[in-house]
Amino acid sequence: MWKSFCLAAGIFACILGVELLLIDSALVLPVQGGGGPHTFTAPDWAPWTLLSVGAVTVMQFVKLPSRGGSPQPFHGR
């Protein structure tokens, strides 16, 4: 379960980082009638941080042992 959670969190962070690279700001509208819209602008460091944390988390997914066993050694050519 932890292995799939790490993969999902890493992919989510990568996707969110790419989205923040593509947009400058987002207009957040309230679900119910109270209050006006709010403009969200991410700091300059946020997209690159999310991309790097997501990539490291996905790479960690590869290194986590499979359920009930130890990781298999890599025999590269």
PDB file of N, CA and C in Angstrom:
ATOM      1  N   MET A   1       0.817  -1.184   0.000  1.00  0.00           N
ATOM      2  CA  MET A   1       0.000   0.000   0.000  1.00  0.00           C
ATOM      3  C   MET A   1       0.869   1.259   0.000  1.00  0.00           C
ATOM      4  N   TRP A   2       1.956   1.247   0.771  1.00  0.00           N
ATOM      5  CA  TRP A   2       2.825   2.413   0.829  1.00  0.00           C
ATOM      6  C   TRP A   2       3.504   2.670  -0.511  1.00  0.00           C
ATOM      7  N   LYS A   3       3.804   1.604  -1.209  1.00  0.00           N
ATOM      8  CA  LYS A   3       4.472   1.747  -2.498  1.00  0.00           C
ATOM      9  C   LYS A   3       3.560   2.464  -3.496  1.00  0.00           C
ATOM     10  N   SER A   4       2.304   2.083  -3.549  1.00  0.00           N
ATOM     11  CA  SER A   4       1.372   2.741  -4.466  1.00  0.00           C
ATOM     12  C   SER A   4       1.072   4.169  -4.026  1.00  0.00           C
ATOM     13  N   PHE A   5       1.062   4.418  -2.710  1.00  0.00           N
ATOM     14  CA  PHE A   5       0.844   5.776  -2.218  1.00  0.00           C
ATOM     15  C   PHE A   5       2.004   6.686  -2.625  1.00  0.00           C
ATOM     16  N   CYS A   6       3.233   6.198  -2.519  1.00  0.00           N
ATOM     17  CA  CYS A   6       4.402   6.995  -2.922  1.00  0.00           C
ATOM     18  C   CYS A   6       4.365   7.301  -4.414  1.00  0.00           C
ATOM     19  N   LEU A   7       3.975   6.327  -5.213  1.00  0.00           N
ATOM     20  CA  LEU A   7       3.882   6.556  -6.656  1.00  0.00           C
ATOM     21  C   LEU A   7       2.815   7.602  -6.966  1.00  0.00           C
ATOM     22  N   ALA A   8       1.654   7.496  -6.344  1.00  0.00           N
ATOM     23  CA  ALA A   8       0.575   8.451  -6.591  1.00  0.00           C
ATOM     24  C   ALA A   8       0.964   9.857  -6.142  1.00  0.00           C
ATOM     25  N   ALA A   9       1.607   9.977  -4.989  1.00  0.00           N
ATOM     26  CA  ALA A   9       2.030  11.296  -4.497  1.00  0.00           C
ATOM     27  C   ALA A   9       3.084  11.907  -5.418  1.00  0.00           C
ATOM     28  N   GLY A  10       4.003  11.100  -5.918  1.00  0.00           N
ATOM     29  CA  GLY A  10       5.029  11.604  -6.825  1.00  0.00           C
ATOM     30  C   GLY A  10       4.455  12.068  -8.149  1.00  0.00           C
ATOM     31  N   ILE A  11       3.538  11.298  -8.702  1.00  0.00           N
ATOM     32  CA  ILE A  11       2.907  11.687  -9.969  1.00  0.00           C
ATOM     33  C   ILE A  11       2.074  12.952  -9.778  1.00  0.00           C
ATOM     34  N   PHE A  12       1.357  13.047  -8.663  1.00  0.00           N
ATOM     35  CA  PHE A  12       0.555  14.234  -8.382  1.00  0.00           C
ATOM     36  C   PHE A  12       1.438  15.479  -8.266  1.00  0.00           C
ATOM     37  N   ALA A  13       2.572  15.358  -7.572  1.00  0.00           N
ATOM     38  CA  ALA A  13       3.476  16.500  -7.418  1.00  0.00           C
ATOM     39  C   ALA A  13       4.050  16.918  -8.767  1.00  0.00           C
ATOM     40  N   CYS A  14       4.395  15.956  -9.613  1.00  0.00           N
ATOM     41  CA  CYS A  14       4.917  16.290 -10.944  1.00  0.00           C
ATOM     42  C   CYS A  14       3.870  17.001 -11.791  1.00  0.00           C
ATOM     43  N   ILE A  15       2.650  16.507 -11.772  1.00  0.00           N
ATOM     44  CA  ILE A  15       1.586  17.129 -12.568  1.00  0.00           C
ATOM     45  C   ILE A  15       1.293  18.534 -12.069  1.00  0.00           C
ATOM     46  N   LEU A  16       1.235  18.704 -10.745  1.00  0.00           N
ATOM     47  CA  LEU A  16       0.978  20.033 -10.188  1.00  0.00           C
ATOM     48  C   LEU A  16       2.118  20.995 -10.511  1.00  0.00           C
ATOM     49  N   GLY A  17       3.352  20.508 -10.491  1.00  0.00           N
ATOM     50  CA  GLY A  17       4.490  21.350 -10.855  1.00  0.00           C
ATOM     51  C   GLY A  17       4.435  21.805 -12.299  1.00  0.00           C
ATOM     52  N   VAL A  18       4.052  20.902 -13.204  1.00  0.00           N
ATOM     53  CA  VAL A  18       3.929  21.268 -14.627  1.00  0.00           C
ATOM     54  C   VAL A  18       2.797  22.275 -14.814  1.00  0.00           C
ATOM     55  N   GLU A  19       1.693  22.083 -14.111  1.00  0.00           N
ATOM     56  CA  GLU A  19       0.594  23.036 -14.209  1.00  0.00           C
ATOM     57  C   GLU A  19       1.015  24.424 -13.737  1.00  0.00           C
ATOM     58  N   LEU A  20       1.771  24.487 -12.646  1.00  0.00           N
ATOM     59  CA  LEU A  20       2.204  25.787 -12.147  1.00  0.00           C
ATOM     60  C   LEU A  20       3.225  26.437 -13.077  1.00  0.00           C
ATOM     61  N   LEU A  21       3.964  25.634 -13.847  1.00  0.00           N
ATOM     62  CA  LEU A  21       4.866  26.209 -14.839  1.00  0.00           C
ATOM     63  C   LEU A  21       4.089  26.849 -15.997  1.00  0.00           C
ATOM     64  N   LEU A  22       2.928  26.275 -16.318  1.00  0.00           N
ATOM     65  CA  LEU A  22       2.178  26.727 -17.491  1.00  0.00           C
ATOM     66  C   LEU A  22       1.268  27.923 -17.221  1.00  0.00           C
ATOM     67  N   ILE A  23       0.853  28.123 -15.963  1.00  0.00           N
ATOM     68  CA  ILE A  23      -0.051  29.235 -15.672  1.00  0.00           C
ATOM     69  C   ILE A  23       0.648  30.263 -14.792  1.00  0.00           C
ATOM     70  N   ASP A  24       0.221  31.513 -14.875  1.00  0.00           N
ATOM     71  CA  ASP A  24       0.771  32.569 -14.029  1.00  0.00           C
ATOM     72  C   ASP A  24      -0.048  32.738 -12.752  1.00  0.00           C
ATOM     73  N   SER A  25      -1.371  32.675 -12.887  1.00  0.00           N
ATOM     74  CA  SER A  25      -2.239  32.810 -11.721  1.00  0.00           C
ATOM     75  C   SER A  25      -3.548  32.073 -11.994  1.00  0.00           C
ATOM     76  N   ALA A  26      -4.256  31.759 -10.922  1.00  0.00           N
ATOM     77  CA  ALA A  26      -5.536  31.068 -11.032  1.00  0.00           C
ATOM     78  C   ALA A  26      -6.582  31.828 -10.236  1.00  0.00           C
ATOM     79  N   LEU A  27      -7.771  31.897 -10.759  1.00  0.00           N
ATOM     80  CA  LEU A  27      -8.887  32.552 -10.084  1.00  0.00           C
ATOM     81  C   LEU A  27      -9.708  31.474  -9.390  1.00  0.00           C
ATOM     82  N   VAL A  28      -9.751  31.521  -8.064  1.00  0.00           N
ATOM     83  CA  VAL A  28     -10.464  30.525  -7.267  1.00  0.00           C
ATOM     84  C   VAL A  28     -11.819  31.097  -6.885  1.00  0.00           C
ATOM     85  N   LEU A  29     -12.884  30.449  -7.361  1.00  0.00           N
ATOM     86  CA  LEU A  29     -14.239  30.894  -7.073  1.00  0.00           C
ATOM     87  C   LEU A  29     -14.801  30.112  -5.891  1.00  0.00           C
ATOM     88  N   PRO A  30     -15.578  30.774  -5.008  1.00  0.00           N
ATOM     89  CA  PRO A  30     -16.161  30.057  -3.871  1.00  0.00           C
ATOM     90  C   PRO A  30     -17.233  29.072  -4.333  1.00  0.00           C
ATOM     91  N   VAL A  31     -17.348  27.946  -3.621  1.00  0.00           N
ATOM     92  CA  VAL A  31     -18.330  26.929  -3.989  1.00  0.00           C
ATOM     93  C   VAL A  31     -19.734  27.433  -3.699  1.00  0.00           C
ATOM     94  N   GLN A  32     -19.907  28.031  -2.536  1.00  0.00           N
ATOM     95  CA  GLN A  32     -21.209  28.587  -2.197  1.00  0.00           C
ATOM     96  C   GLN A  32     -21.098  30.099  -2.208  1.00  0.00           C
ATOM     97  N   GLY A  33     -22.206  30.796  -2.189  1.00  0.00           N
ATOM     98  CA  GLY A  33     -22.276  32.232  -2.429  1.00  0.00           C
ATOM     99  C   GLY A  33     -21.507  33.160  -1.518  1.00  0.00           C
ATOM    100  N   GLY A  34     -20.884  32.713  -0.444  1.00  0.00           N
ATOM    101  CA  GLY A  34     -20.221  33.623   0.486  1.00  0.00           C
ATOM    102  C   GLY A  34     -18.843  34.057   0.030  1.00  0.00           C
ATOM    103  N   GLY A  35     -18.635  35.347  -0.125  1.00  0.00           N
ATOM    104  CA  GLY A  35     -17.313  35.867  -0.476  1.00  0.00           C
ATOM    105  C   GLY A  35     -17.103  35.963  -1.972  1.00  0.00           C
ATOM    106  N   GLY A  36     -16.071  36.700  -2.319  1.00  0.00           N
ATOM    107  CA  GLY A  36     -15.748  36.893  -3.725  1.00  0.00           C
ATOM    108  C   GLY A  36     -14.631  35.976  -4.178  1.00  0.00           C
ATOM    109  N   PRO A  37     -14.280  36.063  -5.438  1.00  0.00           N
ATOM    110  CA  PRO A  37     -13.197  35.222  -5.963  1.00  0.00           C
ATOM    111  C   PRO A  37     -11.837  35.627  -5.385  1.00  0.00           C
ATOM    112  N   HIS A  38     -10.934  34.680  -5.359  1.00  0.00           N
ATOM    113  CA  HIS A  38      -9.582  34.891  -4.823  1.00  0.00           C
ATOM    114  C   HIS A  38      -8.570  34.522  -5.912  1.00  0.00           C
ATOM    115  N   THR A  39      -7.572  35.365  -6.110  1.00  0.00           N
ATOM    116  CA  THR A  39      -6.540  35.091  -7.105  1.00  0.00           C
ATOM    117  C   THR A  39      -5.361  34.405  -6.431  1.00  0.00           C
ATOM    118  N   PHE A  40      -4.966  33.245  -6.973  1.00  0.00           N
ATOM    119  CA  PHE A  40      -3.841  32.478  -6.443  1.00  0.00           C
ATOM    120  C   PHE A  40      -2.664  32.623  -7.397  1.00  0.00           C
ATOM    121  N   THR A  41      -1.537  33.086  -6.864  1.00  0.00           N
ATOM    122  CA  THR A  41      -0.304  33.180  -7.631  1.00  0.00           C
ATOM    123  C   THR A  41       0.778  32.412  -6.876  1.00  0.00           C
ATOM    124  N   ALA A  42       1.370  31.425  -7.513  1.00  0.00           N
ATOM    125  CA  ALA A  42       2.388  30.594  -6.871  1.00  0.00           C
ATOM    126  C   ALA A  42       3.733  31.317  -6.869  1.00  0.00           C
ATOM    127  N   PRO A  43       4.552  31.100  -5.840  1.00  0.00           N
ATOM    128  CA  PRO A  43       5.900  31.677  -5.855  1.00  0.00           C
ATOM    129  C   PRO A  43       6.749  31.074  -6.976  1.00  0.00           C
ATOM    130  N   ASP A  44       7.826  31.754  -7.331  1.00  0.00           N
ATOM    131  CA  ASP A  44       8.659  31.311  -8.450  1.00  0.00           C
ATOM    132  C   ASP A  44       9.309  29.952  -8.206  1.00  0.00           C
ATOM    133  N   TRP A  45       9.589  29.617  -6.966  1.00  0.00           N
ATOM    134  CA  TRP A  45      10.279  28.367  -6.659  1.00  0.00           C
ATOM    135  C   TRP A  45       9.335  27.161  -6.620  1.00  0.00           C
ATOM    136  N   ALA A  46       8.035  27.351  -6.529  1.00  0.00           N
ATOM    137  CA  ALA A  46       7.086  26.255  -6.317  1.00  0.00           C
ATOM    138  C   ALA A  46       7.043  25.234  -7.459  1.00  0.00           C
ATOM    139  N   PRO A  47       6.986  25.618  -8.737  1.00  0.00           N
ATOM    140  CA  PRO A  47       6.907  24.599  -9.786  1.00  0.00           C
ATOM    141  C   PRO A  47       8.120  23.685  -9.823  1.00  0.00           C
ATOM    142  N   TRP A  48       9.308  24.271  -9.699  1.00  0.00           N
ATOM    143  CA  TRP A  48      10.521  23.466  -9.782  1.00  0.00           C
ATOM    144  C   TRP A  48      10.684  22.574  -8.556  1.00  0.00           C
ATOM    145  N   THR A  49      10.261  23.060  -7.401  1.00  0.00           N
ATOM    146  CA  THR A  49      10.322  22.242  -6.191  1.00  0.00           C
ATOM    147  C   THR A  49       9.376  21.054  -6.298  1.00  0.00           C
ATOM    148  N   LEU A  50       8.148  21.298  -6.765  1.00  0.00           N
ATOM    149  CA  LEU A  50       7.185  20.202  -6.910  1.00  0.00           C
ATOM    150  C   LEU A  50       7.652  19.182  -7.947  1.00  0.00           C
ATOM    151  N   LEU A  51       8.226  19.654  -9.048  1.00  0.00           N
ATOM    152  CA  LEU A  51       8.741  18.733 -10.060  1.00  0.00           C
ATOM    153  C   LEU A  51       9.880  17.874  -9.517  1.00  0.00           C
ATOM    154  N   SER A  52      10.799  18.486  -8.798  1.00  0.00           N
ATOM    155  CA  SER A  52      11.942  17.717  -8.300  1.00  0.00           C
ATOM    156  C   SER A  52      11.536  16.762  -7.191  1.00  0.00           C
ATOM    157  N   VAL A  53      10.680  17.186  -6.275  1.00  0.00           N
ATOM    158  CA  VAL A  53      10.207  16.292  -5.210  1.00  0.00           C
ATOM    159  C   VAL A  53       9.393  15.146  -5.802  1.00  0.00           C
ATOM    160  N   GLY A  54       8.569  15.443  -6.786  1.00  0.00           N
ATOM    161  CA  GLY A  54       7.787  14.393  -7.436  1.00  0.00           C
ATOM    162  C   GLY A  54       8.659  13.396  -8.172  1.00  0.00           C
ATOM    163  N   ALA A  55       9.688  13.890  -8.862  1.00  0.00           N
ATOM    164  CA  ALA A  55      10.580  12.987  -9.593  1.00  0.00           C
ATOM    165  C   ALA A  55      11.368  12.095  -8.641  1.00  0.00           C
ATOM    166  N   VAL A  56      11.847  12.647  -7.540  1.00  0.00           N
ATOM    167  CA  VAL A  56      12.578  11.848  -6.559  1.00  0.00           C
ATOM    168  C   VAL A  56      11.662  10.812  -5.921  1.00  0.00           C
ATOM    169  N   THR A  57      10.416  11.183  -5.667  1.00  0.00           N
ATOM    170  CA  THR A  57       9.464  10.243  -5.065  1.00  0.00           C
ATOM    171  C   THR A  57       9.143   9.104  -6.021  1.00  0.00           C
ATOM    172  N   VAL A  58       8.982   9.400  -7.307  1.00  0.00           N
ATOM    173  CA  VAL A  58       8.725   8.343  -8.285  1.00  0.00           C
ATOM    174  C   VAL A  58       9.946   7.438  -8.414  1.00  0.00           C
ATOM    175  N   MET A  59      11.142   8.026  -8.374  1.00  0.00           N
ATOM    176  CA  MET A  59      12.343   7.190  -8.424  1.00  0.00           C
ATOM    177  C   MET A  59      12.470   6.332  -7.167  1.00  0.00           C
ATOM    178  N   GLN A  60      12.033   6.853  -6.034  1.00  0.00           N
ATOM    179  CA  GLN A  60      12.045   6.069  -4.797  1.00  0.00           C
ATOM    180  C   GLN A  60      11.067   4.892  -4.901  1.00  0.00           C
ATOM    181  N   PHE A  61       9.993   5.065  -5.648  1.00  0.00           N
ATOM    182  CA  PHE A  61       9.023   3.993  -5.866  1.00  0.00           C
ATOM    183  C   PHE A  61       9.702   2.769  -6.473  1.00  0.00           C
ATOM    184  N   VAL A  62      10.646   2.988  -7.360  1.00  0.00           N
ATOM    185  CA  VAL A  62      11.353   1.882  -8.000  1.00  0.00           C
ATOM    186  C   VAL A  62      12.219   1.142  -6.992  1.00  0.00           C
ATOM    187  N   LYS A  63      12.777   1.873  -6.028  1.00  0.00           N
ATOM    188  CA  LYS A  63      13.694   1.273  -5.073  1.00  0.00           C
ATOM    189  C   LYS A  63      13.001   0.595  -3.886  1.00  0.00           C
ATOM    190  N   LEU A  64      11.738   0.877  -3.637  1.00  0.00           N
ATOM    191  CA  LEU A  64      11.039   0.250  -2.512  1.00  0.00           C
ATOM    192  C   LEU A  64      10.877  -1.244  -2.774  1.00  0.00           C
ATOM    193  N   PRO A  65      11.035  -2.064  -1.740  1.00  0.00           N
ATOM    194  CA  PRO A  65      10.903  -3.504  -1.962  1.00  0.00           C
ATOM    195  C   PRO A  65       9.455  -3.881  -2.273  1.00  0.00           C
ATOM    196  N   SER A  66       9.309  -4.952  -3.048  1.00  0.00           N
ATOM    197  CA  SER A  66       7.962  -5.423  -3.351  1.00  0.00           C
ATOM    198  C   SER A  66       7.381  -6.082  -2.105  1.00  0.00           C
ATOM    199  N   ARG A  67       6.120  -6.312  -2.108  1.00  0.00           N
ATOM    200  CA  ARG A  67       5.431  -6.824  -0.922  1.00  0.00           C
ATOM    201  C   ARG A  67       5.937  -8.225  -0.565  1.00  0.00           C
ATOM    202  N   GLY A  68       6.408  -8.370   0.662  1.00  0.00           N
ATOM    203  CA  GLY A  68       6.786  -9.662   1.180  1.00  0.00           C
ATOM    204  C   GLY A  68       8.159 -10.156   0.776  1.00  0.00           C
ATOM    205  N   GLY A  69       8.956  -9.341   0.155  1.00  0.00           N
ATOM    206  CA  GLY A  69      10.263  -9.825  -0.259  1.00  0.00           C
ATOM    207  C   GLY A  69      11.290  -8.718  -0.290  1.00  0.00           C
ATOM    208  N   SER A  70      12.513  -9.110  -0.485  1.00  0.00           N
ATOM    209  CA  SER A  70      13.585  -8.133  -0.594  1.00  0.00           C
ATOM    210  C   SER A  70      13.721  -7.710  -2.055  1.00  0.00           C
ATOM    211  N   PRO A  71      14.282  -6.528  -2.290  1.00  0.00           N
ATOM    212  CA  PRO A  71      14.440  -6.082  -3.674  1.00  0.00           C
ATOM    213  C   PRO A  71      15.412  -6.963  -4.439  1.00  0.00           C
ATOM    214  N   GLN A  72      15.129  -7.162  -5.699  1.00  0.00           N
ATOM    215  CA  GLN A  72      15.982  -7.988  -6.554  1.00  0.00           C
ATOM    216  C   GLN A  72      17.210  -7.175  -6.953  1.00  0.00           C
ATOM    217  N   PRO A  73      18.379  -7.793  -6.972  1.00  0.00           N
ATOM    218  CA  PRO A  73      19.575  -7.054  -7.397  1.00  0.00           C
ATOM    219  C   PRO A  73      19.510  -6.729  -8.884  1.00  0.00           C
ATOM    220  N   PHE A  74      20.099  -5.612  -9.231  1.00  0.00           N
ATOM    221  CA  PHE A  74      20.115  -5.166 -10.628  1.00  0.00           C
ATOM    222  C   PHE A  74      21.351  -5.745 -11.316  1.00  0.00           C
ATOM    223  N   HIS A  75      21.130  -6.461 -12.380  1.00  0.00           N
ATOM    224  CA  HIS A  75      22.225  -7.028 -13.167  1.00  0.00           C
ATOM    225  C   HIS A  75      22.215  -6.379 -14.531  1.00  0.00           C
ATOM    226  N   GLY A  76      22.757  -5.179 -14.618  1.00  0.00           N
ATOM    227  CA  GLY A  76      22.782  -4.444 -15.888  1.00  0.00           C
ATOM    228  C   GLY A  76      23.826  -5.014 -16.829  1.00  0.00           C
ATOM    229  N   ARG A  77      23.640  -4.709 -18.080  1.00  0.00           N
ATOM    230  CA  ARG A  77      24.581  -5.209 -19.097  1.00  0.00           C
ATOM    231  C   ARG A  77      25.598  -4.178 -19.433  1.00  0.00           C
TER     232      ARG A  77
END
